[in-house]
C-alpha atoms as a PDB file:
ATOM      1  CA  UNK A   1      -3.443 -29.451-164.766  1.00  0.00           C
ATOM      2  CA  UNK A   2       0.110 -30.088-165.941  1.00  0.00           C
ATOM      3  CA  UNK A   3       3.431 -28.378-165.277  1.00  0.00           C
ATOM      4  CA  UNK A   4       5.880 -27.202-167.968  1.00  0.00           C
ATOM      5  CA  UNK A   5       7.390 -30.706-168.162  1.00  0.00           C
ATOM      6  CA  UNK A   6       3.958 -32.234-168.832  1.00  0.00           C
ATOM      7  CA  UNK A   7       3.663 -33.904-165.433  1.00  0.00           C
ATOM      8  CA  UNK A   8       0.333 -33.762-163.557  1.00  0.00           C
ATOM      9  CA  UNK A   9       0.120 -31.131-160.814  1.00  0.00           C
ATOM     10  CA  UNK A  10      -1.775 -31.921-157.619  1.00  0.00           C
ATOM     11  CA  UNK A  11      -4.534 -29.333-157.215  1.00  0.00           C
ATOM     12  CA  UNK A  12      -6.012 -28.779-153.729  1.00  0.00           C
ATOM     13  CA  UNK A  13      -9.529 -30.164-153.473  1.00  0.00           C
ATOM     14  CA  UNK A  14      -9.200 -32.387-156.543  1.00  0.00           C
ATOM     15  CA  UNK A  15      -9.329 -36.168-156.387  1.00  0.00           C
ATOM     16  CA  UNK A  16      -5.909 -37.839-156.436  1.00  0.00           C
ATOM     17  CA  UNK A  17      -6.971 -41.456-155.922  1.00  0.00           C
ATOM     18  CA  UNK A  18     -10.040 -43.630-155.710  1.00  0.00           C
ATOM     19  CA  UNK A  19     -11.024 -47.286-155.623  1.00  0.00           C
ATOM     20  CA  UNK A  20     -14.062 -48.936-157.098  1.00  0.00           C
ATOM     21  CA  UNK A  21     -15.774 -52.283-157.396  1.00  0.00           C
ATOM     22  CA  UNK A  22     -17.534 -53.525-160.504  1.00  0.00           C
ATOM     23  CA  UNK A  23     -20.585 -55.748-160.295  1.00  0.00           C
ATOM     24  CA  UNK A  24     -22.053 -57.715-163.178  1.00  0.00           C
ATOM     25  CA  UNK A  25     -25.800 -57.989-162.658  1.00  0.00           C
ATOM     26  CA  UNK A  26     -27.751 -60.829-164.224  1.00  0.00           C
ATOM     27  CA  UNK A  27     -29.546 -60.849-167.534  1.00  0.00           C
ATOM     28  CA  UNK A  28     -33.070 -59.413-167.629  1.00  0.00           C
ATOM     29  CA  UNK A  29     -35.214 -57.722-170.237  1.00  0.00           C
ATOM     30  CA  UNK A  30     -35.632 -54.811-167.820  1.00  0.00           C
ATOM     31  CA  UNK A  31     -31.948 -53.982-168.369  1.00  0.00           C
ATOM     32  CA  UNK A  32     -32.636 -53.636-172.101  1.00  0.00           C
ATOM     33  CA  UNK A  33     -35.465 -51.191-171.369  1.00  0.00           C
ATOM     34  CA  UNK A  34     -33.393 -49.246-168.849  1.00  0.00           C
ATOM     35  CA  UNK A  35     -30.567 -48.854-171.352  1.00  0.00           C
ATOM     36  CA  UNK A  36     -32.757 -47.365-174.074  1.00  0.00           C
ATOM     37  CA  UNK A  37     -35.035 -45.336-171.773  1.00  0.00           C
ATOM     38  CA  UNK A  38     -32.693 -44.160-168.994  1.00  0.00           C
ATOM     39  CA  UNK A  39     -29.114 -44.305-170.274  1.00  0.00           C
ATOM     40  CA  UNK A  40     -29.224 -43.356-173.959  1.00  0.00           C
ATOM     41  CA  UNK A  41     -30.508 -39.892-174.888  1.00  0.00           C
ATOM     42  CA  UNK A  42     -33.475 -40.534-177.206  1.00  0.00           C
ATOM     43  CA  UNK A  43     -32.935 -37.253-179.109  1.00  0.00           C
ATOM     44  CA  UNK A  44     -29.337 -38.189-179.833  1.00  0.00           C
ATOM     45  CA  UNK A  45     -30.311 -41.740-180.772  1.00  0.00           C
ATOM     46  CA  UNK A  46     -32.951 -40.603-183.298  1.00  0.00           C
ATOM     47  CA  UNK A  47     -31.234 -37.555-184.768  1.00  0.00           C
ATOM     48  CA  UNK A  48     -27.500 -38.184-184.686  1.00  0.00           C
ATOM     49  CA  UNK A  49     -25.460 -39.249-187.703  1.00  0.00           C
ATOM     50  CA  UNK A  50     -22.731 -40.601-185.404  1.00  0.00           C
ATOM     51  CA  UNK A  51     -21.694 -44.198-186.104  1.00  0.00           C
ATOM     52  CA  UNK A  52     -22.456 -45.141-182.495  1.00  0.00           C
ATOM     53  CA  UNK A  53     -26.026 -43.850-182.789  1.00  0.00           C
ATOM     54  CA  UNK A  54     -26.508 -45.720-186.066  1.00  0.00           C
ATOM     55  CA  UNK A  55     -25.222 -48.943-184.497  1.00  0.00           C
ATOM     56  CA  UNK A  56     -27.539 -48.567-181.488  1.00  0.00           C
ATOM     57  CA  UNK A  57     -30.531 -47.888-183.759  1.00  0.00           C
ATOM     58  CA  UNK A  58     -29.768 -51.173-185.546  1.00  0.00           C
ATOM     59  CA  UNK A  59     -29.584 -53.161-182.295  1.00  0.00           C
ATOM     60  CA  UNK A  60     -32.780 -51.696-180.849  1.00  0.00           C
ATOM     61  CA  UNK A  61     -35.584 -54.216-181.055  1.00  0.00           C
ATOM     62  CA  UNK A  62     -38.984 -52.841-180.117  1.00  0.00           C
ATOM     63  CA  UNK A  63     -40.832 -56.174-180.368  1.00  0.00           C
ATOM     64  CA  UNK A  64     -38.285 -58.509-178.737  1.00  0.00           C
ATOM     65  CA  UNK A  65     -36.476 -57.228-175.695  1.00  0.00           C
ATOM     66  CA  UNK A  66     -33.522 -59.566-175.267  1.00  0.00           C
ATOM     67  CA  UNK A  67     -32.171 -60.065-171.760  1.00  0.00           C
ATOM     68  CA  UNK A  68     -29.057 -57.987-171.181  1.00  0.00           C
ATOM     69  CA  UNK A  69     -26.322 -57.883-168.581  1.00  0.00           C
ATOM     70  CA  UNK A  70     -25.936 -54.771-166.502  1.00  0.00           C
ATOM     71  CA  UNK A  71     -22.674 -53.415-165.127  1.00  0.00           C
ATOM     72  CA  UNK A  72     -22.600 -51.404-161.915  1.00  0.00           C
ATOM     73  CA  UNK A  73     -19.509 -49.495-160.799  1.00  0.00           C
ATOM     74  CA  UNK A  74     -19.418 -48.448-157.140  1.00  0.00           C
ATOM     75  CA  UNK A  75     -16.766 -46.067-155.786  1.00  0.00           C
ATOM     76  CA  UNK A  76     -15.610 -47.435-152.427  1.00  0.00           C
ATOM     77  CA  UNK A  77     -12.888 -44.938-151.482  1.00  0.00           C
ATOM     78  CA  UNK A  78     -11.884 -41.425-152.544  1.00  0.00           C
ATOM     79  CA  UNK A  79      -8.963 -39.163-151.627  1.00  0.00           C
ATOM     80  CA  UNK A  80      -8.612 -35.443-152.236  1.00  0.00           C
ATOM     81  CA  UNK A  81      -5.492 -33.295-152.244  1.00  0.00           C
ATOM     82  CA  UNK A  82      -5.237 -31.161-149.105  1.00  0.00           C
ATOM     83  CA  UNK A  83      -4.901 -27.379-149.294  1.00  0.00           C
ATOM     84  CA  UNK A  84      -1.274 -26.168-148.985  1.00  0.00           C
ATOM     85  CA  UNK A  85      -2.179 -24.211-145.873  1.00  0.00           C
ATOM     86  CA  UNK A  86      -4.946 -25.708-143.754  1.00  0.00           C
ATOM     87  CA  UNK A  87      -7.910 -23.325-143.633  1.00  0.00           C
ATOM     88  CA  UNK A  88      -9.022 -21.991-140.256  1.00  0.00           C
ATOM     89  CA  UNK A  89     -11.095 -24.644-138.535  1.00  0.00           C
ATOM     90  CA  UNK A  90      -9.507 -27.511-140.508  1.00  0.00           C
ATOM     91  CA  UNK A  91      -9.597 -30.865-138.716  1.00  0.00           C
ATOM     92  CA  UNK A  92      -6.560 -31.545-136.495  1.00  0.00           C
ATOM     93  CA  UNK A  93      -5.507 -34.548-138.587  1.00  0.00           C
ATOM     94  CA  UNK A  94      -5.402 -32.418-141.738  1.00  0.00           C
ATOM     95  CA  UNK A  95      -3.178 -29.873-139.974  1.00  0.00           C
ATOM     96  CA  UNK A  96      -0.883 -32.637-138.695  1.00  0.00           C
ATOM     97  CA  UNK A  97      -0.649 -34.198-142.168  1.00  0.00           C
ATOM     98  CA  UNK A  98       0.312 -30.832-143.650  1.00  0.00           C
ATOM     99  CA  UNK A  99       2.995 -30.431-140.976  1.00  0.00           C
ATOM    100  CA  UNK A 100       4.402 -33.817-142.071  1.00  0.00           C
ATOM    101  CA  UNK A 101       4.273 -32.723-145.744  1.00  0.00           C
ATOM    102  CA  UNK A 102       1.605 -35.295-146.637  1.00  0.00           C
ATOM    103  CA  UNK A 103      -0.599 -33.950-149.425  1.00  0.00           C
ATOM    104  CA  UNK A 104      -3.624 -36.284-149.199  1.00  0.00           C
ATOM    105  CA  UNK A 105      -5.208 -39.232-147.420  1.00  0.00           C
ATOM    106  CA  UNK A 106      -4.009 -41.467-150.243  1.00  0.00           C
ATOM    107  CA  UNK A 107      -0.405 -40.394-149.739  1.00  0.00           C
ATOM    108  CA  UNK A 108      -0.762 -41.159-146.027  1.00  0.00           C
ATOM    109  CA  UNK A 109      -2.219 -44.585-146.823  1.00  0.00           C
ATOM    110  CA  UNK A 110       0.588 -45.350-149.269  1.00  0.00           C
ATOM    111  CA  UNK A 111       3.182 -44.506-146.602  1.00  0.00           C
ATOM    112  CA  UNK A 112       1.522 -46.807-144.072  1.00  0.00           C
ATOM    113  CA  UNK A 113       0.363 -49.572-146.426  1.00  0.00           C
ATOM    114  CA  UNK A 114       3.508 -51.767-146.243  1.00  0.00           C
ATOM    115  CA  UNK A 115       3.155 -51.924-142.455  1.00  0.00           C
ATOM    116  CA  UNK A 116      -0.627 -52.232-142.187  1.00  0.00           C
ATOM    117  CA  UNK A 117      -1.655 -54.333-145.220  1.00  0.00           C
ATOM    118  CA  UNK A 118      -0.731 -57.698-143.637  1.00  0.00           C
ATOM    119  CA  UNK A 119      -3.021 -56.968-140.672  1.00  0.00           C
ATOM    120  CA  UNK A 120      -5.758 -55.552-142.910  1.00  0.00           C
ATOM    121  CA  UNK A 121      -5.911 -58.690-145.021  1.00  0.00           C
ATOM    122  CA  UNK A 122      -5.791 -61.183-142.169  1.00  0.00           C
ATOM    123  CA  UNK A 123      -7.466 -61.715-138.834  1.00  0.00           C
ATOM    124  CA  UNK A 124      -4.790 -59.592-137.092  1.00  0.00           C
ATOM    125  CA  UNK A 125      -5.714 -56.306-135.439  1.00  0.00           C
ATOM    126  CA  UNK A 126      -5.435 -53.494-138.046  1.00  0.00           C
ATOM    127  CA  UNK A 127      -5.795 -50.806-135.347  1.00  0.00           C
ATOM    128  CA  UNK A 128      -2.757 -52.161-133.485  1.00  0.00           C
ATOM    129  CA  UNK A 129      -0.770 -52.397-136.734  1.00  0.00           C
ATOM    130  CA  UNK A 130      -1.696 -48.783-137.534  1.00  0.00           C
ATOM    131  CA  UNK A 131      -0.643 -47.563-134.082  1.00  0.00           C
ATOM    132  CA  UNK A 132       2.657 -49.446-134.351  1.00  0.00           C
ATOM    133  CA  UNK A 133       3.370 -48.054-137.836  1.00  0.00           C
ATOM    134  CA  UNK A 134       2.560 -44.512-136.727  1.00  0.00           C
ATOM    135  CA  UNK A 135       4.728 -44.805-133.625  1.00  0.00           C
ATOM    136  CA  UNK A 136       7.665 -46.081-135.687  1.00  0.00           C
ATOM    137  CA  UNK A 137       7.363 -43.953-138.838  1.00  0.00           C
ATOM    138  CA  UNK A 138       5.065 -40.964-138.272  1.00  0.00           C
ATOM    139  CA  UNK A 139       4.989 -40.333-134.499  1.00  0.00           C
ATOM    140  CA  UNK A 140       3.487 -36.851-134.962  1.00  0.00           C
ATOM    141  CA  UNK A 141       0.330 -38.488-136.329  1.00  0.00           C
ATOM    142  CA  UNK A 142       0.021 -41.053-133.522  1.00  0.00           C
ATOM    143  CA  UNK A 143      -2.650 -39.004-131.663  1.00  0.00           C
ATOM    144  CA  UNK A 144      -4.866 -39.435-134.749  1.00  0.00           C
ATOM    145  CA  UNK A 145      -4.513 -43.231-134.915  1.00  0.00           C
ATOM    146  CA  UNK A 146      -8.258 -43.889-134.642  1.00  0.00           C
ATOM    147  CA  UNK A 147      -9.105 -41.622-137.582  1.00  0.00           C
ATOM    148  CA  UNK A 148      -6.229 -42.977-139.662  1.00  0.00           C
ATOM    149  CA  UNK A 149      -7.336 -46.549-138.884  1.00  0.00           C
ATOM    150  CA  UNK A 150     -10.771 -45.579-140.195  1.00  0.00           C
ATOM    151  CA  UNK A 151      -9.226 -44.244-143.450  1.00  0.00           C
ATOM    152  CA  UNK A 152      -7.266 -47.456-143.843  1.00  0.00           C
ATOM    153  CA  UNK A 153     -10.383 -49.501-143.131  1.00  0.00           C
ATOM    154  CA  UNK A 154     -12.255 -47.755-145.930  1.00  0.00           C
ATOM    155  CA  UNK A 155      -9.297 -48.135-148.266  1.00  0.00           C
ATOM    156  CA  UNK A 156      -8.835 -51.856-147.617  1.00  0.00           C
ATOM    157  CA  UNK A 157     -12.602 -52.500-147.569  1.00  0.00           C
ATOM    158  CA  UNK A 158     -12.672 -53.754-143.985  1.00  0.00           C
ATOM    159  CA  UNK A 159     -15.825 -53.744-141.899  1.00  0.00           C
ATOM    160  CA  UNK A 160     -15.811 -51.117-139.153  1.00  0.00           C
END
């Protein structure tokens, strides 16, 4: 959704940020088979006049199945926009974030990132860095330090 000026509008419940990793899996003939039997719609491939379908029909080799690379994308973190008014029974952290005018987990992470990133990317204690940052910059959220540390751990890809 966009406002009158053409800027994106944050919609409660919608994703506002995510992270992913991409893996390149080795060449095998099984990847060729998987592509044509699991990924591409056979009806579209046979009946479509689209240039993409024509190109794929030309590359399909039924006798020789050349080894192909496979790409895997894995989402490692996701953030959703919080509701403007926390619903009854909302988690305490969500209510506290709303009180501080923080719209999503991602916004919270971005506020804390300059203070926590050095500890998250070194052998320092990220939980202590999170507590210190909360105490200094968002003291109202300090009681939720453990949960926020967990969010940051997922975001930075740290082991729990």
